[in-house]
Amino acid sequence: MYCKTHVVTVTTGTATGTGVTPNVTGRVLQIRYVKPVSGGFSDGNTVTITTEISGVAILTEAAINASATRNPRQAVHSTVGAAGTAPATDYIYVDNERISIALSAAGNGTTGTYYVTIG
C-alpha cells in the first residue's frame, strides 16, 4: 500500500488559523499534531478538520493541550442507509480535494504542525 504524509504548518492570527494540504485522493489513515516546545497553540484549543469542497467531517477535537495522534474513521451503514447493530467504522475517503485544518482559541501568533497521512 502506498502512503503519503502531508505536513501542514498552521499559524494563528487572532486566536484562529487555517492550513490546508495539497489536493489528495485516498483514505485518511492518520492525523498527528506535534506541539512545539515553545510558541505552540494555547492549551484548550479546538481543531476542526474537513475536506475543503465537500465538507466531509474528518476530525473535531476540543481541549487540545499536547501532541496527539488520531486515526479518524466514519460510521458505516447498510444498503438501505440504516446503522448496524454493532458499531462499525471504515476509513474516510477523499477524492481530489484539499483537507482543511481550522483552529480556534489557539492564541495569537502561535504555530503548530499537523501530519496528515493518506493511503
PDB file of N, CA and C in Angstrom:
ATOM      1  N   MET A   1       0.844  -1.172   0.000  1.00  0.00           N
ATOM      2  CA  MET A   1       0.000   0.000   0.000  1.00  0.00           C
ATOM      3  C   MET A   1       0.888   1.233   0.000  1.00  0.00           C
ATOM      4  N   TYR A   2       0.535   2.211  -0.803  1.00  0.00           N
ATOM      5  CA  TYR A   2       1.259   3.464  -0.917  1.00  0.00           C
ATOM      6  C   TYR A   2       0.667   4.481   0.043  1.00  0.00           C
ATOM      7  N   CYS A   3       1.507   5.133   0.823  1.00  0.00           N
ATOM      8  CA  CYS A   3       1.070   6.178   1.753  1.00  0.00           C
ATOM      9  C   CYS A   3       1.865   7.442   1.493  1.00  0.00           C
ATOM     10  N   LYS A   4       1.247   8.572   1.758  1.00  0.00           N
ATOM     11  CA  LYS A   4       1.917   9.870   1.643  1.00  0.00           C
ATOM     12  C   LYS A   4       1.505  10.709   2.829  1.00  0.00           C
ATOM     13  N   THR A   5       2.482  11.300   3.507  1.00  0.00           N
ATOM     14  CA  THR A   5       2.204  12.181   4.625  1.00  0.00           C
ATOM     15  C   THR A   5       2.432  13.619   4.189  1.00  0.00           C
ATOM     16  N   HIS A   6       1.426  14.454   4.416  1.00  0.00           N
ATOM     17  CA  HIS A   6       1.492  15.874   4.083  1.00  0.00           C
ATOM     18  C   HIS A   6       1.694  16.656   5.370  1.00  0.00           C
ATOM     19  N   VAL A   7       2.684  17.540   5.372  1.00  0.00           N
ATOM     20  CA  VAL A   7       2.991  18.358   6.540  1.00  0.00           C
ATOM     21  C   VAL A   7       2.289  19.704   6.373  1.00  0.00           C
ATOM     22  N   VAL A   8       1.462  20.050   7.366  1.00  0.00           N
ATOM     23  CA  VAL A   8       0.709  21.313   7.314  1.00  0.00           C
ATOM     24  C   VAL A   8       1.066  22.121   8.558  1.00  0.00           C
ATOM     25  N   THR A   9       1.692  23.265   8.348  1.00  0.00           N
ATOM     26  CA  THR A   9       2.004  24.166   9.447  1.00  0.00           C
ATOM     27  C   THR A   9       0.909  25.225   9.507  1.00  0.00           C
ATOM     28  N   VAL A  10       0.333  25.389  10.687  1.00  0.00           N
ATOM     29  CA  VAL A  10      -0.745  26.365  10.881  1.00  0.00           C
ATOM     30  C   VAL A  10      -0.232  27.438  11.821  1.00  0.00           C
ATOM     31  N   THR A  11      -0.368  28.704  11.396  1.00  0.00           N
ATOM     32  CA  THR A  11      -0.023  29.835  12.248  1.00  0.00           C
ATOM     33  C   THR A  11      -1.287  30.637  12.481  1.00  0.00           C
ATOM     34  N   THR A  12      -1.540  30.985  13.722  1.00  0.00           N
ATOM     35  CA  THR A  12      -2.762  31.713  14.059  1.00  0.00           C
ATOM     36  C   THR A  12      -2.574  33.214  13.886  1.00  0.00           C
ATOM     37  N   GLY A  13      -3.706  33.877  13.666  1.00  0.00           N
ATOM     38  CA  GLY A  13      -3.748  35.333  13.664  1.00  0.00           C
ATOM     39  C   GLY A  13      -4.228  35.762  15.027  1.00  0.00           C
ATOM     40  N   THR A  14      -5.503  36.075  15.134  1.00  0.00           N
ATOM     41  CA  THR A  14      -6.080  36.434  16.428  1.00  0.00           C
ATOM     42  C   THR A  14      -6.825  35.238  16.986  1.00  0.00           C
ATOM     43  N   ALA A  15      -6.085  34.258  17.419  1.00  0.00           N
ATOM     44  CA  ALA A  15      -6.573  33.038  18.067  1.00  0.00           C
ATOM     45  C   ALA A  15      -7.149  32.007  17.103  1.00  0.00           C
ATOM     46  N   THR A  16      -7.225  32.315  15.804  1.00  0.00           N
ATOM     47  CA  THR A  16      -7.702  31.335  14.836  1.00  0.00           C
ATOM     48  C   THR A  16      -6.672  31.177  13.722  1.00  0.00           C
ATOM     49  N   GLY A  17      -6.710  30.048  13.063  1.00  0.00           N
ATOM     50  CA  GLY A  17      -5.806  29.819  11.949  1.00  0.00           C
ATOM     51  C   GLY A  17      -6.296  28.665  11.116  1.00  0.00           C
ATOM     52  N   THR A  18      -5.887  28.648   9.848  1.00  0.00           N
ATOM     53  CA  THR A  18      -6.290  27.581   8.940  1.00  0.00           C
ATOM     54  C   THR A  18      -5.095  27.177   8.090  1.00  0.00           C
ATOM     55  N   GLY A  19      -4.958  25.872   7.864  1.00  0.00           N
ATOM     56  CA  GLY A  19      -3.952  25.347   6.964  1.00  0.00           C
ATOM     57  C   GLY A  19      -4.586  24.271   6.109  1.00  0.00           C
ATOM     58  N   VAL A  20      -4.020  24.028   4.926  1.00  0.00           N
ATOM     59  CA  VAL A  20      -4.587  23.018   4.040  1.00  0.00           C
ATOM     60  C   VAL A  20      -3.482  22.150   3.441  1.00  0.00           C
ATOM     61  N   THR A  21      -3.870  20.924   3.112  1.00  0.00           N
ATOM     62  CA  THR A  21      -2.980  20.028   2.376  1.00  0.00           C
ATOM     63  C   THR A  21      -3.082  20.389   0.897  1.00  0.00           C
ATOM     64  N   PRO A  22      -2.216  19.853   0.052  1.00  0.00           N
ATOM     65  CA  PRO A  22      -2.480  19.921  -1.385  1.00  0.00           C
ATOM     66  C   PRO A  22      -3.673  19.009  -1.702  1.00  0.00           C
ATOM     67  N   ASN A  23      -4.142  18.991  -2.939  1.00  0.00           N
ATOM     68  CA  ASN A  23      -5.209  18.063  -3.309  1.00  0.00           C
ATOM     69  C   ASN A  23      -4.738  16.639  -3.047  1.00  0.00           C
ATOM     70  N   VAL A  24      -5.612  15.839  -2.414  1.00  0.00           N
ATOM     71  CA  VAL A  24      -5.279  14.456  -2.090  1.00  0.00           C
ATOM     72  C   VAL A  24      -6.407  13.541  -2.539  1.00  0.00           C
ATOM     73  N   THR A  25      -6.063  12.289  -2.785  1.00  0.00           N
ATOM     74  CA  THR A  25      -7.033  11.250  -3.108  1.00  0.00           C
ATOM     75  C   THR A  25      -6.629  10.000  -2.353  1.00  0.00           C
ATOM     76  N   GLY A  26      -7.578   9.418  -1.633  1.00  0.00           N
ATOM     77  CA  GLY A  26      -7.298   8.194  -0.902  1.00  0.00           C
ATOM     78  C   GLY A  26      -7.989   8.164   0.443  1.00  0.00           C
ATOM     79  N   ARG A  27      -7.515   7.271   1.308  1.00  0.00           N
ATOM     80  CA  ARG A  27      -8.077   7.108   2.645  1.00  0.00           C
ATOM     81  C   ARG A  27      -7.285   7.955   3.636  1.00  0.00           C
ATOM     82  N   VAL A  28      -7.998   8.608   4.551  1.00  0.00           N
ATOM     83  CA  VAL A  28      -7.320   9.328   5.625  1.00  0.00           C
ATOM     84  C   VAL A  28      -6.918   8.276   6.653  1.00  0.00           C
ATOM     85  N   LEU A  29      -5.627   8.015   6.760  1.00  0.00           N
ATOM     86  CA  LEU A  29      -5.143   6.980   7.664  1.00  0.00           C
ATOM     87  C   LEU A  29      -4.851   7.528   9.056  1.00  0.00           C
ATOM     88  N   GLN A  30      -4.250   8.711   9.107  1.00  0.00           N
ATOM     89  CA  GLN A  30      -3.829   9.225  10.411  1.00  0.00           C
ATOM     90  C   GLN A  30      -3.640  10.736  10.341  1.00  0.00           C
ATOM     91  N   ILE A  31      -3.922  11.386  11.468  1.00  0.00           N
ATOM     92  CA  ILE A  31      -3.630  12.807  11.632  1.00  0.00           C
ATOM     93  C   ILE A  31      -2.853  12.939  12.932  1.00  0.00           C
ATOM     94  N   ARG A  32      -1.698  13.569  12.832  1.00  0.00           N
ATOM     95  CA  ARG A  32      -0.836  13.719  14.002  1.00  0.00           C
ATOM     96  C   ARG A  32      -0.540  15.197  14.208  1.00  0.00           C
ATOM     97  N   TYR A  33      -0.765  15.675  15.427  1.00  0.00           N
ATOM     98  CA  TYR A  33      -0.437  17.052  15.802  1.00  0.00           C
ATOM     99  C   TYR A  33       0.803  17.010  16.678  1.00  0.00           C
ATOM    100  N   VAL A  34       1.788  17.847  16.354  1.00  0.00           N
ATOM    101  CA  VAL A  34       3.002  17.923  17.153  1.00  0.00           C
ATOM    102  C   VAL A  34       3.112  19.339  17.715  1.00  0.00           C
ATOM    103  N   LYS A  35       2.974  19.442  19.025  1.00  0.00           N
ATOM    104  CA  LYS A  35       3.057  20.739  19.691  1.00  0.00           C
ATOM    105  C   LYS A  35       4.527  21.079  19.932  1.00  0.00           C
ATOM    106  N   PRO A  36       4.970  22.273  19.502  1.00  0.00           N
ATOM    107  CA  PRO A  36       6.367  22.639  19.729  1.00  0.00           C
ATOM    108  C   PRO A  36       6.633  22.936  21.208  1.00  0.00           C
ATOM    109  N   VAL A  37       7.898  22.925  21.563  1.00  0.00           N
ATOM    110  CA  VAL A  37       8.287  23.191  22.945  1.00  0.00           C
ATOM    111  C   VAL A  37       7.882  24.606  23.348  1.00  0.00           C
ATOM    112  N   SER A  38       8.030  25.565  22.444  1.00  0.00           N
ATOM    113  CA  SER A  38       7.605  26.931  22.738  1.00  0.00           C
ATOM    114  C   SER A  38       6.913  27.525  21.525  1.00  0.00           C
ATOM    115  N   GLY A  39       6.029  28.492  21.749  1.00  0.00           N
ATOM    116  CA  GLY A  39       5.328  29.170  20.668  1.00  0.00           C
ATOM    117  C   GLY A  39       4.167  28.387  20.083  1.00  0.00           C
ATOM    118  N   GLY A  40       3.792  27.291  20.743  1.00  0.00           N
ATOM    119  CA  GLY A  40       2.706  26.454  20.238  1.00  0.00           C
ATOM    120  C   GLY A  40       1.337  27.024  20.562  1.00  0.00           C
ATOM    121  N   PHE A  41       0.312  26.371  20.054  1.00  0.00           N
ATOM    122  CA  PHE A  41      -1.060  26.800  20.290  1.00  0.00           C
ATOM    123  C   PHE A  41      -1.368  26.817  21.777  1.00  0.00           C
ATOM    124  N   SER A  42      -2.246  27.715  22.171  1.00  0.00           N
ATOM    125  CA  SER A  42      -2.686  27.783  23.562  1.00  0.00           C
ATOM    126  C   SER A  42      -3.373  26.490  23.956  1.00  0.00           C
ATOM    127  N   ASP A  43      -3.193  26.078  25.207  1.00  0.00           N
ATOM    128  CA  ASP A  43      -3.899  24.907  25.718  1.00  0.00           C
ATOM    129  C   ASP A  43      -5.404  25.155  25.635  1.00  0.00           C
ATOM    130  N   GLY A  44      -6.150  24.095  25.392  1.00  0.00           N
ATOM    131  CA  GLY A  44      -7.600  24.186  25.327  1.00  0.00           C
ATOM    132  C   GLY A  44      -8.135  24.583  23.965  1.00  0.00           C
ATOM    133  N   ASN A  45      -7.278  24.600  22.930  1.00  0.00           N
ATOM    134  CA  ASN A  45      -7.754  24.978  21.591  1.00  0.00           C
ATOM    135  C   ASN A  45      -8.630  23.884  20.991  1.00  0.00           C
ATOM    136  N   THR A  46      -9.346  24.248  19.951  1.00  0.00           N
ATOM    137  CA  THR A  46     -10.226  23.319  19.238  1.00  0.00           C
ATOM    138  C   THR A  46      -9.794  23.242  17.784  1.00  0.00           C
ATOM    139  N   VAL A  47      -9.743  22.026  17.243  1.00  0.00           N
ATOM    140  CA  VAL A  47      -9.411  21.832  15.837  1.00  0.00           C
ATOM    141  C   VAL A  47     -10.594  21.171  15.136  1.00  0.00           C
ATOM    142  N   THR A  48     -10.868  21.649  13.933  1.00  0.00           N
ATOM    143  CA  THR A  48     -11.893  21.055  13.078  1.00  0.00           C
ATOM    144  C   THR A  48     -11.234  20.764  11.736  1.00  0.00           C
ATOM    145  N   ILE A  49     -11.253  19.488  11.338  1.00  0.00           N
ATOM    146  CA  ILE A  49     -10.604  19.074  10.096  1.00  0.00           C
ATOM    147  C   ILE A  49     -11.664  18.518   9.166  1.00  0.00           C
ATOM    148  N   THR A  50     -11.765  19.117   7.975  1.00  0.00           N
ATOM    149  CA  THR A  50     -12.773  18.727   6.981  1.00  0.00           C
ATOM    150  C   THR A  50     -12.154  18.773   5.590  1.00  0.00           C
ATOM    151  N   THR A  51     -12.880  18.190   4.623  1.00  0.00           N
ATOM    152  CA  THR A  51     -12.469  18.386   3.240  1.00  0.00           C
ATOM    153  C   THR A  51     -12.948  19.773   2.827  1.00  0.00           C
ATOM    154  N   GLU A  52     -12.163  20.420   1.986  1.00  0.00           N
ATOM    155  CA  GLU A  52     -12.404  21.833   1.676  1.00  0.00           C
ATOM    156  C   GLU A  52     -13.637  22.089   0.815  1.00  0.00           C
ATOM    157  N   ILE A  53     -13.918  21.231  -0.141  1.00  0.00           N
ATOM    158  CA  ILE A  53     -15.037  21.477  -1.055  1.00  0.00           C
ATOM    159  C   ILE A  53     -16.315  20.787  -0.584  1.00  0.00           C
ATOM    160  N   SER A  54     -16.244  19.479  -0.353  1.00  0.00           N
ATOM    161  CA  SER A  54     -17.450  18.726   0.004  1.00  0.00           C
ATOM    162  C   SER A  54     -17.802  18.829   1.478  1.00  0.00           C
ATOM    163  N   GLY A  55     -16.878  19.288   2.316  1.00  0.00           N
ATOM    164  CA  GLY A  55     -17.168  19.476   3.734  1.00  0.00           C
ATOM    165  C   GLY A  55     -17.277  18.199   4.541  1.00  0.00           C
ATOM    166  N   VAL A  56     -16.667  17.117   4.058  1.00  0.00           N
ATOM    167  CA  VAL A  56     -16.704  15.860   4.804  1.00  0.00           C
ATOM    168  C   VAL A  56     -15.972  16.044   6.133  1.00  0.00           C
ATOM    169  N   ALA A  57     -16.638  15.702   7.232  1.00  0.00           N
ATOM    170  CA  ALA A  57     -16.033  15.814   8.555  1.00  0.00           C
ATOM    171  C   ALA A  57     -15.000  14.708   8.748  1.00  0.00           C
ATOM    172  N   ILE A  58     -13.789  15.085   9.112  1.00  0.00           N
ATOM    173  CA  ILE A  58     -12.728  14.116   9.344  1.00  0.00           C
ATOM    174  C   ILE A  58     -12.422  14.002  10.831  1.00  0.00           C
ATOM    175  N   LEU A  59     -12.281  15.136  11.508  1.00  0.00           N
ATOM    176  CA  LEU A  59     -11.959  15.111  12.939  1.00  0.00           C
ATOM    177  C   LEU A  59     -12.315  16.455  13.562  1.00  0.00           C
ATOM    178  N   THR A  60     -12.966  16.418  14.702  1.00  0.00           N
ATOM    179  CA  THR A  60     -13.195  17.606  15.521  1.00  0.00           C
ATOM    180  C   THR A  60     -12.810  17.238  16.939  1.00  0.00           C
ATOM    181  N   GLU A  61     -11.935  18.043  17.505  1.00  0.00           N
ATOM    182  CA  GLU A  61     -11.487  17.745  18.856  1.00  0.00           C
ATOM    183  C   GLU A  61     -11.288  19.049  19.618  1.00  0.00           C
ATOM    184  N   ALA A  62     -11.748  19.057  20.858  1.00  0.00           N
ATOM    185  CA  ALA A  62     -11.634  20.239  21.711  1.00  0.00           C
ATOM    186  C   ALA A  62     -10.680  19.962  22.863  1.00  0.00           C
ATOM    187  N   ALA A  63     -10.284  21.032  23.519  1.00  0.00           N
ATOM    188  CA  ALA A  63      -9.435  20.972  24.717  1.00  0.00           C
ATOM    189  C   ALA A  63      -8.109  20.275  24.445  1.00  0.00           C
ATOM    190  N   ILE A  64      -7.458  20.652  23.352  1.00  0.00           N
ATOM    191  CA  ILE A  64      -6.172  20.061  22.997  1.00  0.00           C
ATOM    192  C   ILE A  64      -5.075  20.784  23.774  1.00  0.00           C
ATOM    193  N   ASN A  65      -4.264  20.014  24.467  1.00  0.00           N
ATOM    194  CA  ASN A  65      -3.193  20.593  25.271  1.00  0.00           C
ATOM    195  C   ASN A  65      -1.815  20.040  24.931  1.00  0.00           C
ATOM    196  N   ALA A  66      -1.740  18.965  24.163  1.00  0.00           N
ATOM    197  CA  ALA A  66      -0.462  18.303  23.912  1.00  0.00           C
ATOM    198  C   ALA A  66      -0.474  17.646  22.537  1.00  0.00           C
ATOM    199  N   SER A  67       0.682  17.183  22.109  1.00  0.00           N
ATOM    200  CA  SER A  67       0.777  16.432  20.861  1.00  0.00           C
ATOM    201  C   SER A  67      -0.163  15.235  20.917  1.00  0.00           C
ATOM    202  N   ALA A  68      -0.711  14.856  19.757  1.00  0.00           N
ATOM    203  CA  ALA A  68      -1.662  13.745  19.723  1.00  0.00           C
ATOM    204  C   ALA A  68      -1.669  13.107  18.345  1.00  0.00           C
ATOM    205  N   THR A  69      -1.956  11.812  18.307  1.00  0.00           N
ATOM    206  CA  THR A  69      -2.114  11.078  17.056  1.00  0.00           C
ATOM    207  C   THR A  69      -3.511  10.496  17.030  1.00  0.00           C
ATOM    208  N   ARG A  70      -4.225  10.706  15.931  1.00  0.00           N
ATOM    209  CA  ARG A  70      -5.591  10.211  15.787  1.00  0.00           C
ATOM    210  C   ARG A  70      -5.711   9.444  14.479  1.00  0.00           C
ATOM    211  N   ASN A  71      -6.556   8.410  14.488  1.00  0.00           N
ATOM    212  CA  ASN A  71      -6.852   7.599  13.309  1.00  0.00           C
ATOM    213  C   ASN A  71      -8.351   7.698  13.053  1.00  0.00           C
ATOM    214  N   PRO A  72      -8.809   8.795  12.436  1.00  0.00           N
ATOM    215  CA  PRO A  72     -10.250   9.019  12.305  1.00  0.00           C
ATOM    216  C   PRO A  72     -10.923   8.010  11.381  1.00  0.00           C
ATOM    217  N   ARG A  73     -12.133   7.621  11.755  1.00  0.00           N
ATOM    218  CA  ARG A  73     -12.944   6.702  10.968  1.00  0.00           C
ATOM    219  C   ARG A  73     -14.381   7.212  10.964  1.00  0.00           C
ATOM    220  N   GLN A  74     -15.175   6.712  10.032  1.00  0.00           N
ATOM    221  CA  GLN A  74     -16.586   7.097   9.950  1.00  0.00           C
ATOM    222  C   GLN A  74     -17.471   5.871  10.148  1.00  0.00           C
ATOM    223  N   ALA A  75     -18.696   6.117  10.609  1.00  0.00           N
ATOM    224  CA  ALA A  75     -19.657   5.031  10.800  1.00  0.00           C
ATOM    225  C   ALA A  75     -20.090   4.489   9.440  1.00  0.00           C
ATOM    226  N   VAL A  76     -20.343   3.193   9.383  1.00  0.00           N
ATOM    227  CA  VAL A  76     -20.828   2.573   8.143  1.00  0.00           C
ATOM    228  C   VAL A  76     -22.311   2.250   8.273  1.00  0.00           C
ATOM    229  N   HIS A  77     -22.963   2.084   7.134  1.00  0.00           N
ATOM    230  CA  HIS A  77     -24.402   1.847   7.089  1.00  0.00           C
ATOM    231  C   HIS A  77     -24.723   0.711   6.125  1.00  0.00           C
ATOM    232  N   SER A  78     -25.924   0.167   6.274  1.00  0.00           N
ATOM    233  CA  SER A  78     -26.374  -0.889   5.366  1.00  0.00           C
ATOM    234  C   SER A  78     -26.742  -0.284   4.012  1.00  0.00           C
ATOM    235  N   THR A  79     -27.121  -1.121   3.074  1.00  0.00           N
ATOM    236  CA  THR A  79     -27.503  -0.637   1.746  1.00  0.00           C
ATOM    237  C   THR A  79     -28.799   0.162   1.750  1.00  0.00           C
ATOM    238  N   VAL A  80     -29.539   0.123   2.863  1.00  0.00           N
ATOM    239  CA  VAL A  80     -30.753   0.937   2.965  1.00  0.00           C
ATOM    240  C   VAL A  80     -30.539   2.149   3.869  1.00  0.00           C
ATOM    241  N   GLY A  81     -29.276   2.410   4.222  1.00  0.00           N
ATOM    242  CA  GLY A  81     -28.947   3.594   4.992  1.00  0.00           C
ATOM    243  C   GLY A  81     -29.082   3.472   6.493  1.00  0.00           C
ATOM    244  N   ALA A  82     -29.331   2.277   6.988  1.00  0.00           N
ATOM    245  CA  ALA A  82     -29.502   2.089   8.428  1.00  0.00           C
ATOM    246  C   ALA A  82     -28.167   1.745   9.080  1.00  0.00           C
ATOM    247  N   ALA A  83     -27.973   2.247  10.278  1.00  0.00           N
ATOM    248  CA  ALA A  83     -26.769   1.902  11.029  1.00  0.00           C
ATOM    249  C   ALA A  83     -26.870   0.457  11.491  1.00  0.00           C
ATOM    250  N   GLY A  84     -25.742  -0.215  11.566  1.00  0.00           N
ATOM    251  CA  GLY A  84     -25.725  -1.603  12.023  1.00  0.00           C
ATOM    252  C   GLY A  84     -25.995  -1.712  13.514  1.00  0.00           C
ATOM    253  N   THR A  85     -26.190  -2.933  14.001  1.00  0.00           N
ATOM    254  CA  THR A  85     -26.482  -3.140  15.418  1.00  0.00           C
ATOM    255  C   THR A  85     -25.232  -3.019  16.274  1.00  0.00           C
ATOM    256  N   ALA A  86     -24.075  -3.281  15.712  1.00  0.00           N
ATOM    257  CA  ALA A  86     -22.818  -3.120  16.443  1.00  0.00           C
ATOM    258  C   ALA A  86     -22.050  -1.957  15.807  1.00  0.00           C
ATOM    259  N   PRO A  87     -21.348  -1.183  16.603  1.00  0.00           N
ATOM    260  CA  PRO A  87     -20.576  -0.090  15.999  1.00  0.00           C
ATOM    261  C   PRO A  87     -19.586  -0.632  14.974  1.00  0.00           C
ATOM    262  N   ALA A  88     -19.658  -0.109  13.781  1.00  0.00           N
ATOM    263  CA  ALA A  88     -18.730  -0.494  12.722  1.00  0.00           C
ATOM    264  C   ALA A  88     -18.244   0.773  12.044  1.00  0.00           C
ATOM    265  N   THR A  89     -16.947   0.822  11.764  1.00  0.00           N
ATOM    266  CA  THR A  89     -16.380   2.008  11.133  1.00  0.00           C
ATOM    267  C   THR A  89     -15.528   1.613   9.943  1.00  0.00           C
ATOM    268  N   ASP A  90     -15.249   2.604   9.118  1.00  0.00           N
ATOM    269  CA  ASP A  90     -14.403   2.416   7.950  1.00  0.00           C
ATOM    270  C   ASP A  90     -13.609   3.702   7.749  1.00  0.00           C
ATOM    271  N   TYR A  91     -12.640   3.642   6.856  1.00  0.00           N
ATOM    272  CA  TYR A  91     -11.833   4.818   6.554  1.00  0.00           C
ATOM    273  C   TYR A  91     -12.695   5.934   5.984  1.00  0.00           C
ATOM    274  N   ILE A  92     -12.188   7.147   6.097  1.00  0.00           N
ATOM    275  CA  ILE A  92     -12.797   8.308   5.462  1.00  0.00           C
ATOM    276  C   ILE A  92     -12.038   8.520   4.158  1.00  0.00           C
ATOM    277  N   TYR A  93     -12.760   8.579   3.055  1.00  0.00           N
ATOM    278  CA  TYR A  93     -12.153   8.712   1.735  1.00  0.00           C
ATOM    279  C   TYR A  93     -12.228  10.155   1.245  1.00  0.00           C
ATOM    280  N   VAL A  94     -11.160  10.579   0.567  1.00  0.00           N
ATOM    281  CA  VAL A  94     -11.079  11.916  -0.009  1.00  0.00           C
ATOM    282  C   VAL A  94     -10.761  11.743  -1.486  1.00  0.00           C
ATOM    283  N   ASP A  95     -11.436  12.513  -2.338  1.00  0.00           N
ATOM    284  CA  ASP A  95     -11.225  12.397  -3.777  1.00  0.00           C
ATOM    285  C   ASP A  95     -10.857  13.749  -4.382  1.00  0.00           C
ATOM    286  N   ASN A  96      -9.580  13.941  -4.595  1.00  0.00           N
ATOM    287  CA  ASN A  96      -9.051  15.102  -5.296  1.00  0.00           C
ATOM    288  C   ASN A  96      -9.508  16.437  -4.705  1.00  0.00           C
ATOM    289  N   GLU A  97      -9.362  16.571  -3.399  1.00  0.00           N
ATOM    290  CA  GLU A  97      -9.594  17.869  -2.777  1.00  0.00           C
ATOM    291  C   GLU A  97      -8.668  18.052  -1.586  1.00  0.00           C
ATOM    292  N   ARG A  98      -8.578  19.286  -1.146  1.00  0.00           N
ATOM    293  CA  ARG A  98      -7.690  19.591  -0.031  1.00  0.00           C
ATOM    294  C   ARG A  98      -8.377  19.311   1.296  1.00  0.00           C
ATOM    295  N   ILE A  99      -7.562  19.015   2.305  1.00  0.00           N
ATOM    296  CA  ILE A  99      -8.053  18.843   3.661  1.00  0.00           C
ATOM    297  C   ILE A  99      -7.714  20.112   4.422  1.00  0.00           C
ATOM    298  N   SER A 100      -8.732  20.690   5.051  1.00  0.00           N
ATOM    299  CA  SER A 100      -8.595  21.950   5.765  1.00  0.00           C
ATOM    300  C   SER A 100      -8.502  21.703   7.271  1.00  0.00           C
ATOM    301  N   ILE A 101      -7.543  22.351   7.902  1.00  0.00           N
ATOM    302  CA  ILE A 101      -7.344  22.261   9.350  1.00  0.00           C
ATOM    303  C   ILE A 101      -7.609  23.645   9.921  1.00  0.00           C
ATOM    304  N   ALA A 102      -8.702  23.782  10.676  1.00  0.00           N
ATOM    305  CA  ALA A 102      -9.097  25.082  11.239  1.00  0.00           C
ATOM    306  C   ALA A 102      -9.009  25.040  12.756  1.00  0.00           C
ATOM    307  N   LEU A 103      -8.398  26.059  13.330  1.00  0.00           N
ATOM    308  CA  LEU A 103      -8.223  26.134  14.779  1.00  0.00           C
ATOM    309  C   LEU A 103      -8.970  27.328  15.358  1.00  0.00           C
ATOM    310  N   SER A 104      -9.431  27.166  16.579  1.00  0.00           N
ATOM    311  CA  SER A 104      -9.996  28.281  17.328  1.00  0.00           C
ATOM    312  C   SER A 104      -9.460  28.221  18.752  1.00  0.00           C
ATOM    313  N   ALA A 105      -9.483  29.370  19.417  1.00  0.00           N
ATOM    314  CA  ALA A 105      -8.981  29.503  20.789  1.00  0.00           C
ATOM    315  C   ALA A 105      -7.547  28.999  20.909  1.00  0.00           C
ATOM    316  N   ALA A 106      -6.730  29.286  19.888  1.00  0.00           N
ATOM    317  CA  ALA A 106      -5.374  28.751  19.834  1.00  0.00           C
ATOM    318  C   ALA A 106      -4.302  29.777  20.197  1.00  0.00           C
ATOM    319  N   GLY A 107      -4.699  30.991  20.550  1.00  0.00           N
ATOM    320  CA  GLY A 107      -3.726  32.019  20.891  1.00  0.00           C
ATOM    321  C   GLY A 107      -3.369  32.863  19.685  1.00  0.00           C
ATOM    322  N   ASN A 108      -2.724  33.988  19.920  1.00  0.00           N
ATOM    323  CA  ASN A 108      -2.380  34.926  18.862  1.00  0.00           C
ATOM    324  C   ASN A 108      -0.930  34.731  18.421  1.00  0.00           C
ATOM    325  N   GLY A 109      -0.722  34.495  17.136  1.00  0.00           N
ATOM    326  CA  GLY A 109       0.627  34.338  16.601  1.00  0.00           C
ATOM    327  C   GLY A 109       1.320  33.059  17.025  1.00  0.00           C
ATOM    328  N   THR A 110       0.555  31.997  17.228  1.00  0.00           N
ATOM    329  CA  THR A 110       1.119  30.712  17.622  1.00  0.00           C
ATOM    330  C   THR A 110       1.219  29.786  16.412  1.00  0.00           C
ATOM    331  N   THR A 111       2.017  28.738  16.530  1.00  0.00           N
ATOM    332  CA  THR A 111       2.241  27.833  15.405  1.00  0.00           C
ATOM    333  C   THR A 111       2.213  26.385  15.872  1.00  0.00           C
ATOM    334  N   GLY A 112       1.696  25.513  15.009  1.00  0.00           N
ATOM    335  CA  GLY A 112       1.698  24.081  15.259  1.00  0.00           C
ATOM    336  C   GLY A 112       1.770  23.340  13.943  1.00  0.00           C
ATOM    337  N   THR A 113       2.160  22.084  13.999  1.00  0.00           N
ATOM    338  CA  THR A 113       2.317  21.280  12.797  1.00  0.00           C
ATOM    339  C   THR A 113       1.424  20.060  12.860  1.00  0.00           C
ATOM    340  N   TYR A 114       0.735  19.814  11.744  1.00  0.00           N
ATOM    341  CA  TYR A 114      -0.104  18.624  11.598  1.00  0.00           C
ATOM    342  C   TYR A 114       0.487  17.767  10.475  1.00  0.00           C
ATOM    343  N   TYR A 115       0.457  16.453  10.690  1.00  0.00           N
ATOM    344  CA  TYR A 115       0.907  15.497   9.687  1.00  0.00           C
ATOM    345  C   TYR A 115      -0.321  14.683   9.281  1.00  0.00           C
ATOM    346  N   VAL A 116      -0.709  14.775   8.013  1.00  0.00           N
ATOM    347  CA  VAL A 116      -1.901  14.107   7.509  1.00  0.00           C
ATOM    348  C   VAL A 116      -1.438  12.984   6.583  1.00  0.00           C
ATOM    349  N   THR A 117      -1.709  11.738   6.969  1.00  0.00           N
ATOM    350  CA  THR A 117      -1.272  10.591   6.176  1.00  0.00           C
ATOM    351  C   THR A 117      -2.446  10.035   5.381  1.00  0.00           C
ATOM    352  N   ILE A 118      -2.246   9.960   4.074  1.00  0.00           N
ATOM    353  CA  ILE A 118      -3.257   9.467   3.119  1.00  0.00           C
ATOM    354  C   ILE A 118      -2.709   8.191   2.499  1.00  0.00           C
ATOM    355  N   GLY A 119      -3.565   7.178   2.350  1.00  0.00           N
ATOM    356  CA  GLY A 119      -3.105   5.924   1.756  1.00  0.00           C
ATOM    357  C   GLY A 119      -4.138   5.319   0.856  1.00  0.00           C
TER     358      GLY A 119
END
